[in-house]
Protein backbone atom coordinates (compact mmCIF):
# COMPACT_ATOMS: atom_id res chain seq x y z
CA MET A 1 53.70 3.27 18.42
CA SER A 2 51.60 4.17 21.37
CA ILE A 3 48.79 6.60 20.77
CA PRO A 4 49.71 10.04 22.11
CA ILE A 5 47.45 11.66 24.66
CA ILE A 6 46.52 15.12 23.44
CA LYS A 7 45.76 17.85 25.95
CA ILE A 8 44.52 21.24 24.77
CA GLN A 9 44.76 23.85 27.47
CA GLU A 10 46.08 27.30 28.17
CA CYS A 11 49.44 26.90 29.83
CA LYS A 12 51.81 29.76 30.58
CA LEU A 13 54.60 27.23 30.99
CA LEU A 14 54.58 26.74 27.21
CA GLY A 15 55.75 30.29 26.68
CA ARG A 16 54.49 33.02 24.43
CA PHE A 17 55.50 31.55 21.07
CA VAL A 18 55.15 27.84 21.81
CA ILE A 19 52.16 26.15 20.17
CA GLY A 20 52.79 22.66 21.46
CA ILE A 21 55.17 20.44 23.32
CA THR A 22 55.54 16.70 23.61
CA LEU A 23 56.37 15.08 26.92
CA TYR A 24 55.96 11.39 26.26
CA PRO A 25 53.22 10.17 25.93
CA TYR A 26 51.47 13.55 26.15
CA ILE A 27 51.10 16.25 23.53
CA PHE A 28 50.22 19.61 25.06
CA LEU A 29 48.74 22.20 22.69
CA LYS A 30 48.05 25.79 23.64
CA LYS A 31 44.32 26.42 23.43
CA SER A 32 44.62 30.04 22.25
CA TYR A 33 46.58 28.84 19.20
CA VAL A 34 44.42 25.77 18.55
CA ASP A 35 41.28 27.93 18.57
CA LYS A 36 42.70 29.95 15.64
CA MET A 37 43.94 26.99 13.57
CA THR A 38 42.28 25.55 10.52
CA PRO A 39 41.45 21.85 10.83
CA GLU A 40 44.29 21.10 8.37
CA LYS A 41 46.84 23.05 10.41
CA LEU A 42 45.70 21.31 13.60
CA LYS A 43 46.21 17.91 11.94
CA GLU A 44 49.70 18.97 10.83
CA THR A 45 50.56 20.23 14.30
CA ILE A 46 49.39 17.00 15.90
CA ASN A 47 51.36 15.04 13.29
CA HIS A 48 54.48 17.12 14.04
CA GLU A 49 54.16 16.40 17.75
CA SER A 50 53.36 12.72 17.06
CA ILE A 51 56.66 12.46 15.20
CA HIS A 52 58.31 13.60 18.44
CA VAL A 53 56.39 10.91 20.34
CA LYS A 54 57.88 8.30 17.99
CA GLN A 55 61.36 9.81 18.35
CA GLU A 56 61.06 9.73 22.14
CA GLU A 57 59.81 6.15 22.05
CA GLN A 58 62.72 4.99 19.89
CA LEU A 59 65.25 6.64 22.18
CA LEU A 60 63.57 5.29 25.33
CA VAL A 61 62.46 8.81 26.32
CA ILE A 62 65.42 9.68 28.58
CA PHE A 63 67.98 9.37 25.76
CA PHE A 64 65.78 11.60 23.58
CA TYR A 65 66.01 14.41 26.13
CA LEU A 66 69.74 13.88 26.65
CA TRP A 67 70.37 13.94 22.89
CA TYR A 68 68.04 16.94 22.46
CA GLY A 69 69.88 18.90 25.16
CA ILE A 70 73.36 18.07 23.89
CA GLU A 71 72.44 18.76 20.28
CA PHE A 72 70.76 22.02 21.27
CA PHE A 73 73.92 23.16 23.08
CA ILE A 74 76.10 22.32 20.07
CA LYS A 75 73.70 23.94 17.60
CA PHE A 76 73.38 27.01 19.82
CA LEU A 77 77.13 27.52 19.60
CA LYS A 78 76.88 27.28 15.82
CA TYR A 79 73.53 28.95 15.06
CA GLY A 80 72.71 31.02 18.14
CA ASN A 81 68.98 31.76 18.39
CA ASP A 82 68.32 29.57 15.34
CA ALA A 83 69.51 26.44 17.17
CA TYR A 84 65.98 25.09 17.74
CA LYS A 85 65.01 24.95 14.08
CA ASN A 86 68.32 23.27 13.23
CA LEU A 87 67.88 20.36 15.64
CA SER A 88 67.63 17.01 13.86
CA PHE A 89 64.42 16.12 15.73
CA GLU A 90 62.76 19.39 14.73
CA ARG A 91 64.01 19.26 11.15
CA GLU A 92 62.50 15.80 10.70
CA ALA A 93 59.19 16.85 12.28
CA TYR A 94 58.88 20.07 10.26
CA ALA A 95 59.88 18.38 7.00
CA ASN A 96 57.20 15.72 7.40
CA GLU A 97 54.37 17.36 9.37
CA SER A 98 52.17 17.81 6.29
CA ASN A 99 52.56 14.13 5.32
CA LEU A 100 49.89 12.61 7.54
CA ASP A 101 51.00 9.09 6.51
CA TYR A 102 54.65 9.68 7.41
CA LEU A 103 54.58 7.71 10.65
CA LYS A 104 53.32 4.65 8.78
CA THR A 105 56.49 4.52 6.67
CA ARG A 106 59.03 6.27 8.92
CA LYS A 107 62.29 4.37 9.25
CA PHE A 108 63.85 3.61 12.63
CA TRP A 109 65.86 6.59 13.93
CA ALA A 110 64.96 8.59 10.80
CA PHE A 111 66.02 11.81 12.53
CA LEU A 112 69.67 10.85 11.93
CA LYS A 113 69.47 11.90 8.28
CA TYR A 114 68.58 15.44 9.46
CA ILE A 115 71.69 16.00 11.60
């Protein structure tokens, strides 16, 4: 896995409730949120976003975004505003963000078990 490049900055593009976003190979974290985080929460957030880096890598980036968009559309029809937290990519990242060793043992395309 390539090492993600972490950028901490204030970015209105991230939206009001977004803490971070991964755009391979970058992880963008909103400075106003990072400034209020405990060191443990920051590590978990970076781990969460690093899981997305691995997902993007395994799907050759473009297929990650295609899959993400299609799955979001399908989940939106089923869950409405709760679509985001029901995406397989997000479910995997949230379920494993506190396990800082997860990426060392993560299986190939592990997000599939969260569909």
